[in-house]
Amino acid sequence: MEGRSTVVLGASPKPERYSNMAVQRLVAHGHPVVAVGAREGRIAEEPVRTELPEGLRCHTVTIYLNEHAQQAWQDRVLALAPQRIIFNPGAENPALARAATERGIEVVEGCTLVMLAAGTY
C-alpha cells in the first residue's frame, strides 16, 4: 500500500452503489485501492475493511459518506495527510474541506467516476 493508493471511504459491496463502481473503476485504471466501509465484504477482488490499515499512506481519499457520517472519520482522514480529498455528490462537508485546506490538502468537490472517465483523476 504505497503512497499512490486511493482510500474509498464509504465503500459498499452492493454493486448498485457508486462507491462500489468507483472501487472497480479505480482498479481497472490501475490505481491501488483501500476500500473502507460500514461492513466487511468484497468488491470484486478487493476486500472491504471497516477500519483504515495501520501505517497506511495514500494519495487520495474519495468520500461516499454524508457529512454526518463523516464526523467519526474526520480526524483519521486528516491524519492520513493525503494529497487530495474528493467529496463525491452528497458527501460535501464544508468543515472537513476547510480543515483539509488549512493542512495543504487539495479539496475537490466532484465525482470520482466522472473524473476517471474524463481522464482528470
C-alpha atoms as a PDB file:
ATOM      1  CA  MET A   1       0.000   0.000   0.000  1.00  0.00           C
ATOM      2  CA  GLU A   2       2.245   2.710  -1.287  1.00  0.00           C
ATOM      3  CA  GLY A   3       1.621   6.419  -1.162  1.00  0.00           C
ATOM      4  CA  ARG A   4      -0.221   6.419  -4.501  1.00  0.00           C
ATOM      5  CA  SER A   5      -3.210   4.420  -3.280  1.00  0.00           C
ATOM      6  CA  THR A   6      -6.760   5.700  -3.014  1.00  0.00           C
ATOM      7  CA  VAL A   7      -8.926   5.197   0.045  1.00  0.00           C
ATOM      8  CA  VAL A   8     -12.589   4.806  -0.870  1.00  0.00           C
ATOM      9  CA  LEU A   9     -14.403   5.816   2.315  1.00  0.00           C
ATOM     10  CA  GLY A  10     -17.971   4.561   2.397  1.00  0.00           C
ATOM     11  CA  ALA A  11     -17.276   1.575   0.144  1.00  0.00           C
ATOM     12  CA  SER A  12     -20.183  -0.826  -0.238  1.00  0.00           C
ATOM     13  CA  PRO A  13     -20.194  -4.410  -1.507  1.00  0.00           C
ATOM     14  CA  LYS A  14     -23.594  -3.673  -3.117  1.00  0.00           C
ATOM     15  CA  PRO A  15     -22.933  -3.469  -6.887  1.00  0.00           C
ATOM     16  CA  GLU A  16     -25.524  -0.730  -7.467  1.00  0.00           C
ATOM     17  CA  ARG A  17     -23.691   1.724  -5.180  1.00  0.00           C
ATOM     18  CA  TYR A  18     -21.471   4.396  -6.700  1.00  0.00           C
ATOM     19  CA  SER A  19     -18.737   3.613  -4.182  1.00  0.00           C
ATOM     20  CA  ASN A  20     -18.679   0.035  -5.462  1.00  0.00           C
ATOM     21  CA  MET A  21     -18.422   1.240  -9.051  1.00  0.00           C
ATOM     22  CA  ALA A  22     -15.639   3.625  -8.044  1.00  0.00           C
ATOM     23  CA  VAL A  23     -13.576   0.834  -6.477  1.00  0.00           C
ATOM     24  CA  GLN A  24     -13.947  -1.297  -9.597  1.00  0.00           C
ATOM     25  CA  ARG A  25     -13.103   1.527 -11.996  1.00  0.00           C
ATOM     26  CA  LEU A  26     -10.142   2.716  -9.936  1.00  0.00           C
ATOM     27  CA  VAL A  27      -8.716  -0.816 -10.029  1.00  0.00           C
ATOM     28  CA  ALA A  28      -9.444  -1.044 -13.778  1.00  0.00           C
ATOM     29  CA  HIS A  29      -7.475   2.197 -14.257  1.00  0.00           C
ATOM     30  CA  GLY A  30      -4.526   0.761 -12.311  1.00  0.00           C
ATOM     31  CA  HIS A  31      -4.980   2.656  -9.046  1.00  0.00           C
ATOM     32  CA  PRO A  32      -4.279   0.693  -5.839  1.00  0.00           C
ATOM     33  CA  VAL A  33      -7.389   0.876  -3.651  1.00  0.00           C
ATOM     34  CA  VAL A  34      -8.165   0.537   0.038  1.00  0.00           C
ATOM     35  CA  ALA A  35     -11.932   0.113   0.396  1.00  0.00           C
ATOM     36  CA  VAL A  36     -13.334   1.099   3.803  1.00  0.00           C
ATOM     37  CA  GLY A  37     -17.000   0.684   4.644  1.00  0.00           C
ATOM     38  CA  ALA A  38     -19.507   0.001   7.385  1.00  0.00           C
ATOM     39  CA  ARG A  39     -19.389  -3.765   6.845  1.00  0.00           C
ATOM     40  CA  GLU A  40     -16.685  -6.152   5.733  1.00  0.00           C
ATOM     41  CA  GLY A  41     -17.136  -7.712   2.350  1.00  0.00           C
ATOM     42  CA  ARG A  42     -15.641  -7.743  -1.133  1.00  0.00           C
ATOM     43  CA  ILE A  43     -15.841  -5.636  -4.223  1.00  0.00           C
ATOM     44  CA  ALA A  44     -14.604  -7.933  -6.982  1.00  0.00           C
ATOM     45  CA  GLU A  45     -11.159  -8.960  -5.663  1.00  0.00           C
ATOM     46  CA  GLU A  46     -10.828  -6.034  -3.231  1.00  0.00           C
ATOM     47  CA  PRO A  47     -11.629  -6.561   0.452  1.00  0.00           C
ATOM     48  CA  VAL A  48     -13.873  -4.012   2.145  1.00  0.00           C
ATOM     49  CA  ARG A  49     -12.458  -3.201   5.570  1.00  0.00           C
ATOM     50  CA  THR A  50     -14.155  -1.478   8.478  1.00  0.00           C
ATOM     51  CA  GLU A  51     -11.014   0.360   9.612  1.00  0.00           C
ATOM     52  CA  LEU A  52      -8.053   2.061   7.989  1.00  0.00           C
ATOM     53  CA  PRO A  53      -4.971  -0.184   7.989  1.00  0.00           C
ATOM     54  CA  GLU A  54      -2.114   0.780  10.305  1.00  0.00           C
ATOM     55  CA  GLY A  55       0.657   2.768   8.636  1.00  0.00           C
ATOM     56  CA  LEU A  56      -1.406   3.465   5.532  1.00  0.00           C
ATOM     57  CA  ARG A  57      -0.028   6.084   3.161  1.00  0.00           C
ATOM     58  CA  CYS A  58      -2.338   7.270   0.442  1.00  0.00           C
ATOM     59  CA  HIS A  59      -2.534   9.888  -2.250  1.00  0.00           C
ATOM     60  CA  THR A  60      -6.305  10.385  -2.366  1.00  0.00           C
ATOM     61  CA  VAL A  61      -9.291   9.837  -0.116  1.00  0.00           C
ATOM     62  CA  THR A  62     -12.549   9.752  -2.065  1.00  0.00           C
ATOM     63  CA  ILE A  63     -15.576  10.049   0.189  1.00  0.00           C
ATOM     64  CA  TYR A  64     -19.003   8.467  -0.281  1.00  0.00           C
ATOM     65  CA  LEU A  65     -20.397   9.232   3.188  1.00  0.00           C
ATOM     66  CA  ASN A  66     -22.756  12.060   4.048  1.00  0.00           C
ATOM     67  CA  GLU A  67     -21.482  14.901   6.203  1.00  0.00           C
ATOM     68  CA  HIS A  68     -22.930  13.458   9.422  1.00  0.00           C
ATOM     69  CA  ALA A  69     -21.397  10.014   8.857  1.00  0.00           C
ATOM     70  CA  GLN A  70     -18.009  11.620   8.163  1.00  0.00           C
ATOM     71  CA  GLN A  71     -17.718  13.003  11.695  1.00  0.00           C
ATOM     72  CA  ALA A  72     -16.444   9.686  13.057  1.00  0.00           C
ATOM     73  CA  TRP A  73     -13.754   9.603  10.339  1.00  0.00           C
ATOM     74  CA  GLN A  74     -12.644  13.232  10.124  1.00  0.00           C
ATOM     75  CA  ASP A  75      -9.599  13.032  12.421  1.00  0.00           C
ATOM     76  CA  ARG A  76      -8.450   9.759  10.859  1.00  0.00           C
ATOM     77  CA  VAL A  77      -8.790  11.131   7.324  1.00  0.00           C
ATOM     78  CA  LEU A  78      -6.788  14.223   8.210  1.00  0.00           C
ATOM     79  CA  ALA A  79      -4.161  12.094   9.986  1.00  0.00           C
ATOM     80  CA  LEU A  80      -3.582  10.216   6.717  1.00  0.00           C
ATOM     81  CA  ALA A  81      -2.349  13.533   5.270  1.00  0.00           C
ATOM     82  CA  PRO A  82      -3.443  12.648   1.743  1.00  0.00           C
ATOM     83  CA  GLN A  83      -2.566  14.949  -1.114  1.00  0.00           C
ATOM     84  CA  ARG A  84      -6.234  15.152  -2.139  1.00  0.00           C
ATOM     85  CA  ILE A  85      -9.733  14.580  -0.776  1.00  0.00           C
ATOM     86  CA  ILE A  86     -12.613  14.137  -3.204  1.00  0.00           C
ATOM     87  CA  PHE A  87     -16.107  14.845  -1.914  1.00  0.00           C
ATOM     88  CA  ASN A  88     -18.440  12.950  -4.228  1.00  0.00           C
ATOM     89  CA  PRO A  89     -22.003  14.255  -4.776  1.00  0.00           C
ATOM     90  CA  GLY A  90     -23.882  14.103  -1.473  1.00  0.00           C
ATOM     91  CA  ALA A  91     -20.656  13.971   0.556  1.00  0.00           C
ATOM     92  CA  GLU A  92     -19.911  17.703   0.614  1.00  0.00           C
ATOM     93  CA  ASN A  93     -18.606  18.779   4.027  1.00  0.00           C
ATOM     94  CA  PRO A  94     -17.513  22.420   4.436  1.00  0.00           C
ATOM     95  CA  ALA A  95     -15.916  21.836   7.866  1.00  0.00           C
ATOM     96  CA  LEU A  96     -13.744  18.931   6.715  1.00  0.00           C
ATOM     97  CA  ALA A  97     -12.945  20.731   3.461  1.00  0.00           C
ATOM     98  CA  ARG A  98     -11.776  23.790   5.422  1.00  0.00           C
ATOM     99  CA  ALA A  99      -9.683  21.687   7.829  1.00  0.00           C
ATOM    100  CA  ALA A 100      -8.105  19.865   4.886  1.00  0.00           C
ATOM    101  CA  THR A 101      -7.328  23.082   3.019  1.00  0.00           C
ATOM    102  CA  GLU A 102      -5.701  24.525   6.147  1.00  0.00           C
ATOM    103  CA  ARG A 103      -3.379  21.483   6.139  1.00  0.00           C
ATOM    104  CA  GLY A 104      -2.450  21.955   2.497  1.00  0.00           C
ATOM    105  CA  ILE A 105      -4.634  19.102   1.233  1.00  0.00           C
ATOM    106  CA  GLU A 106      -6.265  19.670  -2.153  1.00  0.00           C
ATOM    107  CA  VAL A 107     -10.065  19.549  -1.888  1.00  0.00           C
ATOM    108  CA  VAL A 108     -12.207  18.544  -4.857  1.00  0.00           C
ATOM    109  CA  GLU A 109     -15.987  18.553  -4.961  1.00  0.00           C
ATOM    110  CA  GLY A 110     -16.576  16.230  -7.861  1.00  0.00           C
ATOM    111  CA  CYS A 111     -17.373  12.717  -8.942  1.00  0.00           C
ATOM    112  CA  THR A 112     -14.632  10.110  -8.956  1.00  0.00           C
ATOM    113  CA  LEU A 113     -16.434   8.165 -11.703  1.00  0.00           C
ATOM    114  CA  VAL A 114     -16.661  11.229 -13.950  1.00  0.00           C
ATOM    115  CA  MET A 115     -13.047  12.164 -13.233  1.00  0.00           C
ATOM    116  CA  LEU A 116     -11.887   8.670 -14.222  1.00  0.00           C
ATOM    117  CA  ALA A 117     -13.994   8.698 -17.404  1.00  0.00           C
ATOM    118  CA  ALA A 118     -12.715  12.166 -18.357  1.00  0.00           C
ATOM    119  CA  GLY A 119      -9.074  11.335 -17.611  1.00  0.00           C
ATOM    120  CA  THR A 120      -8.844  14.038 -14.931  1.00  0.00           C
ATOM    121  CA  TYR A 121      -8.355  11.727 -11.962  1.00  0.00           C
END
